[in-house]
Amino acid sequence: MPAPTPADEREPMTSETDASPLDPALVATLATLNEAANDPAGKTWSLPKIAKRAQLPMSTLRRVLTQLDAAGLSATTLNEDGTGSAALTDEGRAVCAQLFGANDAG
């Protein structure tokens, strides 16, 4: 087993499997976007609403959304006036169904 690097040492939080650490902000954002995807109103949620529901600072949310967008799991829209929204892509919905279980009512 290789000697732990400083990056490994500062990461005590791990997933249930303990094999691959998961960023809690990433999980919270995915869970919130999954909740938004299943919202009966069907409207895209604003970034402030997502940040509040995920209990994350906006800067952390934007960092996580950049990662999710790059992975093709979410689509973030930023407007010139500083407002924005985010939603899961089809691939993101599939990943969330695996992570959180498919709780589709219909």
N, C-alpha and C. Protein backbone atom coordinates (compact mmCIF):
# COMPACT_ATOMS: atom_id res chain seq x y z
N MET A 1 0.85 -1.18 0.00
CA MET A 1 0.00 0.00 0.00
C MET A 1 0.89 1.24 0.00
N PRO A 2 0.62 2.21 -0.88
CA PRO A 2 1.47 3.40 -0.95
C PRO A 2 1.29 4.27 0.30
N ALA A 3 2.33 5.03 0.59
CA ALA A 3 2.26 5.94 1.73
C ALA A 3 1.23 7.02 1.44
N PRO A 4 0.46 7.42 2.45
CA PRO A 4 -0.56 8.43 2.20
C PRO A 4 0.05 9.78 1.84
N THR A 5 -0.54 10.45 0.89
CA THR A 5 -0.10 11.78 0.51
C THR A 5 -0.86 12.79 1.36
N PRO A 6 -0.39 14.03 1.41
CA PRO A 6 -1.11 15.02 2.20
C PRO A 6 -2.59 15.14 1.80
N ALA A 7 -2.89 14.97 0.54
CA ALA A 7 -4.28 15.04 0.09
C ALA A 7 -5.11 13.92 0.71
N ASP A 8 -4.51 12.73 0.84
CA ASP A 8 -5.22 11.61 1.45
C ASP A 8 -5.45 11.85 2.94
N GLU A 9 -4.47 12.45 3.59
CA GLU A 9 -4.54 12.63 5.03
C GLU A 9 -5.64 13.60 5.44
N ARG A 10 -5.95 14.58 4.61
CA ARG A 10 -6.94 15.57 5.01
C ARG A 10 -8.36 15.17 4.63
N GLU A 11 -8.57 13.96 4.20
CA GLU A 11 -9.89 13.55 3.75
C GLU A 11 -10.44 12.41 4.60
N PRO A 12 -10.90 12.71 5.82
CA PRO A 12 -11.42 11.64 6.67
C PRO A 12 -12.80 11.15 6.24
N MET A 13 -13.54 11.98 5.50
CA MET A 13 -14.89 11.60 5.13
C MET A 13 -14.86 10.70 3.90
N THR A 14 -15.48 9.55 3.98
CA THR A 14 -15.50 8.63 2.85
C THR A 14 -16.91 8.12 2.64
N SER A 15 -17.11 7.50 1.51
CA SER A 15 -18.42 6.91 1.23
C SER A 15 -18.60 5.65 2.06
N GLU A 16 -19.78 5.07 1.97
CA GLU A 16 -20.08 3.87 2.76
C GLU A 16 -19.13 2.73 2.43
N THR A 17 -18.72 2.63 1.18
CA THR A 17 -17.83 1.53 0.79
C THR A 17 -16.41 1.76 1.27
N ASP A 18 -16.07 3.02 1.60
CA ASP A 18 -14.75 3.38 2.08
C ASP A 18 -13.69 3.22 0.99
N ALA A 19 -14.08 2.80 -0.20
CA ALA A 19 -13.12 2.61 -1.28
C ALA A 19 -12.90 3.91 -2.06
N SER A 20 -13.96 4.66 -2.30
CA SER A 20 -13.81 5.90 -3.04
C SER A 20 -14.48 7.04 -2.28
N PRO A 21 -13.68 7.99 -1.82
CA PRO A 21 -14.26 9.11 -1.09
C PRO A 21 -15.18 9.93 -1.99
N LEU A 22 -16.31 10.33 -1.46
CA LEU A 22 -17.24 11.17 -2.19
C LEU A 22 -17.30 12.54 -1.54
N ASP A 23 -17.27 13.56 -2.35
CA ASP A 23 -17.39 14.93 -1.86
C ASP A 23 -18.82 15.13 -1.36
N PRO A 24 -19.00 15.45 -0.09
CA PRO A 24 -20.36 15.63 0.43
C PRO A 24 -21.13 16.72 -0.31
N ALA A 25 -20.43 17.74 -0.80
CA ALA A 25 -21.09 18.81 -1.56
C ALA A 25 -21.61 18.26 -2.89
N LEU A 26 -20.86 17.35 -3.49
CA LEU A 26 -21.27 16.74 -4.75
C LEU A 26 -22.54 15.90 -4.54
N VAL A 27 -22.55 15.12 -3.47
CA VAL A 27 -23.71 14.28 -3.16
C VAL A 27 -24.92 15.16 -2.87
N ALA A 28 -24.73 16.22 -2.07
CA ALA A 28 -25.84 17.11 -1.73
C ALA A 28 -26.40 17.79 -2.98
N THR A 29 -25.52 18.19 -3.88
CA THR A 29 -25.96 18.85 -5.11
C THR A 29 -26.72 17.88 -6.00
N LEU A 30 -26.18 16.67 -6.17
CA LEU A 30 -26.89 15.67 -6.97
C LEU A 30 -28.26 15.35 -6.38
N ALA A 31 -28.32 15.21 -5.06
CA ALA A 31 -29.60 14.90 -4.41
C ALA A 31 -30.60 16.03 -4.63
N THR A 32 -30.12 17.27 -4.54
CA THR A 32 -31.01 18.42 -4.73
C THR A 32 -31.46 18.53 -6.18
N LEU A 33 -30.54 18.32 -7.12
CA LEU A 33 -30.93 18.35 -8.54
C LEU A 33 -31.90 17.21 -8.86
N ASN A 34 -31.72 16.08 -8.19
CA ASN A 34 -32.65 14.96 -8.38
C ASN A 34 -34.04 15.33 -7.85
N GLU A 35 -34.06 16.00 -6.70
CA GLU A 35 -35.33 16.48 -6.14
C GLU A 35 -35.99 17.46 -7.11
N ALA A 36 -35.19 18.35 -7.69
CA ALA A 36 -35.72 19.33 -8.64
C ALA A 36 -36.27 18.63 -9.89
N ALA A 37 -35.58 17.59 -10.34
CA ALA A 37 -36.02 16.86 -11.53
C ALA A 37 -37.36 16.18 -11.31
N ASN A 38 -37.64 15.83 -10.05
CA ASN A 38 -38.90 15.16 -9.73
C ASN A 38 -39.95 16.11 -9.18
N ASP A 39 -39.69 17.42 -9.24
CA ASP A 39 -40.63 18.43 -8.76
C ASP A 39 -41.86 18.43 -9.67
N PRO A 40 -43.05 18.25 -9.10
CA PRO A 40 -44.27 18.22 -9.93
C PRO A 40 -44.51 19.51 -10.71
N ALA A 41 -43.98 20.64 -10.23
CA ALA A 41 -44.16 21.91 -10.94
C ALA A 41 -43.44 21.89 -12.29
N GLY A 42 -42.39 21.08 -12.39
CA GLY A 42 -41.70 20.92 -13.66
C GLY A 42 -40.82 22.08 -14.07
N LYS A 43 -40.64 23.07 -13.19
CA LYS A 43 -39.81 24.22 -13.54
C LYS A 43 -38.37 23.98 -13.12
N THR A 44 -37.44 24.58 -13.87
CA THR A 44 -36.03 24.50 -13.52
C THR A 44 -35.79 25.35 -12.27
N TRP A 45 -35.00 24.82 -11.34
CA TRP A 45 -34.73 25.54 -10.09
C TRP A 45 -33.58 26.53 -10.28
N SER A 46 -33.69 27.69 -9.63
CA SER A 46 -32.65 28.71 -9.68
C SER A 46 -31.45 28.26 -8.84
N LEU A 47 -30.29 28.85 -9.14
CA LEU A 47 -29.09 28.52 -8.36
C LEU A 47 -29.26 28.86 -6.88
N PRO A 48 -29.85 30.02 -6.51
CA PRO A 48 -30.06 30.27 -5.08
C PRO A 48 -30.95 29.23 -4.40
N LYS A 49 -31.99 28.77 -5.10
CA LYS A 49 -32.87 27.75 -4.52
C LYS A 49 -32.11 26.44 -4.33
N ILE A 50 -31.30 26.07 -5.31
CA ILE A 50 -30.51 24.84 -5.22
C ILE A 50 -29.51 24.95 -4.07
N ALA A 51 -28.84 26.10 -3.96
CA ALA A 51 -27.86 26.31 -2.89
C ALA A 51 -28.53 26.21 -1.52
N LYS A 52 -29.71 26.81 -1.39
CA LYS A 52 -30.41 26.77 -0.11
C LYS A 52 -30.85 25.35 0.24
N ARG A 53 -31.42 24.64 -0.73
CA ARG A 53 -31.88 23.26 -0.48
C ARG A 53 -30.71 22.33 -0.17
N ALA A 54 -29.58 22.54 -0.86
CA ALA A 54 -28.41 21.68 -0.63
C ALA A 54 -27.60 22.14 0.59
N GLN A 55 -27.97 23.29 1.14
CA GLN A 55 -27.28 23.88 2.29
C GLN A 55 -25.80 24.08 1.98
N LEU A 56 -25.54 24.70 0.82
CA LEU A 56 -24.18 24.97 0.38
C LEU A 56 -24.01 26.45 0.07
N PRO A 57 -22.81 26.99 0.32
CA PRO A 57 -22.53 28.35 -0.15
C PRO A 57 -22.56 28.37 -1.68
N MET A 58 -22.93 29.51 -2.26
CA MET A 58 -23.02 29.61 -3.71
C MET A 58 -21.70 29.25 -4.39
N SER A 59 -20.57 29.66 -3.81
CA SER A 59 -19.28 29.36 -4.43
C SER A 59 -19.04 27.85 -4.51
N THR A 60 -19.44 27.13 -3.48
CA THR A 60 -19.29 25.67 -3.48
C THR A 60 -20.23 25.05 -4.51
N LEU A 61 -21.46 25.54 -4.56
CA LEU A 61 -22.41 25.03 -5.55
C LEU A 61 -21.89 25.24 -6.96
N ARG A 62 -21.36 26.42 -7.25
CA ARG A 62 -20.85 26.70 -8.60
C ARG A 62 -19.68 25.78 -8.94
N ARG A 63 -18.81 25.51 -7.96
CA ARG A 63 -17.67 24.60 -8.19
C ARG A 63 -18.17 23.20 -8.53
N VAL A 64 -19.14 22.72 -7.75
CA VAL A 64 -19.67 21.38 -7.97
C VAL A 64 -20.41 21.31 -9.30
N LEU A 65 -21.19 22.34 -9.62
CA LEU A 65 -21.91 22.34 -10.90
C LEU A 65 -20.94 22.34 -12.08
N THR A 66 -19.81 23.01 -11.94
CA THR A 66 -18.79 22.98 -13.00
C THR A 66 -18.31 21.55 -13.22
N GLN A 67 -18.09 20.82 -12.12
CA GLN A 67 -17.66 19.42 -12.23
C GLN A 67 -18.75 18.56 -12.85
N LEU A 68 -19.99 18.75 -12.40
CA LEU A 68 -21.10 17.94 -12.93
C LEU A 68 -21.36 18.25 -14.40
N ASP A 69 -21.27 19.53 -14.77
CA ASP A 69 -21.44 19.91 -16.17
C ASP A 69 -20.36 19.26 -17.04
N ALA A 70 -19.11 19.29 -16.56
CA ALA A 70 -18.00 18.71 -17.31
C ALA A 70 -18.18 17.20 -17.49
N ALA A 71 -18.81 16.56 -16.50
CA ALA A 71 -19.06 15.12 -16.57
C ALA A 71 -20.32 14.80 -17.37
N GLY A 72 -21.04 15.82 -17.79
CA GLY A 72 -22.26 15.60 -18.57
C GLY A 72 -23.46 15.22 -17.73
N LEU A 73 -23.39 15.45 -16.41
CA LEU A 73 -24.49 15.06 -15.53
C LEU A 73 -25.48 16.18 -15.27
N SER A 74 -25.06 17.43 -15.50
CA SER A 74 -25.96 18.55 -15.29
C SER A 74 -25.74 19.58 -16.39
N ALA A 75 -26.71 20.47 -16.51
CA ALA A 75 -26.62 21.59 -17.44
C ALA A 75 -26.93 22.86 -16.65
N THR A 76 -25.95 23.75 -16.58
CA THR A 76 -26.11 25.00 -15.83
C THR A 76 -26.25 26.14 -16.81
N THR A 77 -27.21 27.01 -16.55
CA THR A 77 -27.44 28.19 -17.37
C THR A 77 -27.14 29.42 -16.53
N LEU A 78 -26.23 30.26 -17.01
CA LEU A 78 -25.90 31.51 -16.34
C LEU A 78 -26.29 32.67 -17.24
N ASN A 79 -27.06 33.60 -16.69
CA ASN A 79 -27.52 34.75 -17.45
C ASN A 79 -26.61 35.95 -17.22
N GLU A 80 -26.70 36.93 -18.13
CA GLU A 80 -25.85 38.12 -18.02
C GLU A 80 -26.10 38.89 -16.73
N ASP A 81 -27.31 38.83 -16.21
CA ASP A 81 -27.64 39.59 -14.99
C ASP A 81 -27.19 38.87 -13.71
N GLY A 82 -26.49 37.74 -13.86
CA GLY A 82 -25.98 37.03 -12.70
C GLY A 82 -26.88 35.93 -12.19
N THR A 83 -28.11 35.86 -12.70
CA THR A 83 -29.01 34.78 -12.29
C THR A 83 -28.66 33.52 -13.06
N GLY A 84 -29.20 32.42 -12.62
CA GLY A 84 -28.93 31.18 -13.32
C GLY A 84 -29.77 30.05 -12.78
N SER A 85 -29.66 28.92 -13.44
CA SER A 85 -30.40 27.72 -13.03
C SER A 85 -29.57 26.51 -13.42
N ALA A 86 -29.99 25.36 -12.90
CA ALA A 86 -29.29 24.12 -13.22
C ALA A 86 -30.29 22.98 -13.20
N ALA A 87 -30.02 21.97 -14.00
CA ALA A 87 -30.88 20.79 -14.06
C ALA A 87 -30.04 19.59 -14.45
N LEU A 88 -30.53 18.42 -14.10
CA LEU A 88 -29.86 17.18 -14.49
C LEU A 88 -30.06 16.92 -15.97
N THR A 89 -29.05 16.34 -16.60
CA THR A 89 -29.21 15.84 -17.95
C THR A 89 -29.82 14.44 -17.85
N ASP A 90 -30.13 13.83 -18.98
CA ASP A 90 -30.66 12.46 -18.95
C ASP A 90 -29.66 11.52 -18.28
N GLU A 91 -28.38 11.72 -18.58
CA GLU A 91 -27.34 10.89 -17.95
C GLU A 91 -27.29 11.14 -16.45
N GLY A 92 -27.45 12.39 -16.05
CA GLY A 92 -27.48 12.74 -14.63
C GLY A 92 -28.65 12.09 -13.91
N ARG A 93 -29.79 12.05 -14.57
CA ARG A 93 -30.96 11.39 -13.98
C ARG A 93 -30.70 9.90 -13.79
N ALA A 94 -30.03 9.29 -14.76
CA ALA A 94 -29.71 7.86 -14.66
C ALA A 94 -28.76 7.59 -13.50
N VAL A 95 -27.76 8.45 -13.33
CA VAL A 95 -26.81 8.29 -12.23
C VAL A 95 -27.54 8.46 -10.90
N CYS A 96 -28.41 9.46 -10.80
CA CYS A 96 -29.16 9.69 -9.56
C CYS A 96 -30.09 8.53 -9.25
N ALA A 97 -30.67 7.93 -10.29
CA ALA A 97 -31.54 6.77 -10.07
C ALA A 97 -30.73 5.62 -9.45
N GLN A 98 -29.48 5.46 -9.88
CA GLN A 98 -28.62 4.43 -9.31
C GLN A 98 -28.21 4.78 -7.88
N LEU A 99 -27.88 6.05 -7.66
CA LEU A 99 -27.40 6.47 -6.33
C LEU A 99 -28.50 6.52 -5.29
N PHE A 100 -29.64 7.10 -5.67
CA PHE A 100 -30.68 7.38 -4.69
C PHE A 100 -31.91 6.50 -4.86
N GLY A 101 -31.91 5.64 -5.86
CA GLY A 101 -33.08 4.80 -6.11
C GLY A 101 -34.07 5.56 -6.97
N ALA A 102 -34.74 4.85 -7.83
CA ALA A 102 -35.74 5.48 -8.70
C ALA A 102 -37.03 5.61 -7.93
N ASN A 103 -37.33 6.83 -7.49
CA ASN A 103 -38.59 7.03 -6.78
C ASN A 103 -39.54 7.84 -7.64
N ASP A 104 -39.72 7.38 -8.86
CA ASP A 104 -40.69 7.99 -9.78
C ASP A 104 -42.09 7.58 -9.38
N ALA A 105 -42.96 8.55 -9.32
CA ALA A 105 -44.36 8.25 -8.99
C ALA A 105 -45.10 7.76 -10.22
N GLY A 106 -44.62 8.13 -11.39
CA GLY A 106 -45.35 7.77 -12.59
C GLY A 106 -44.51 7.00 -13.50
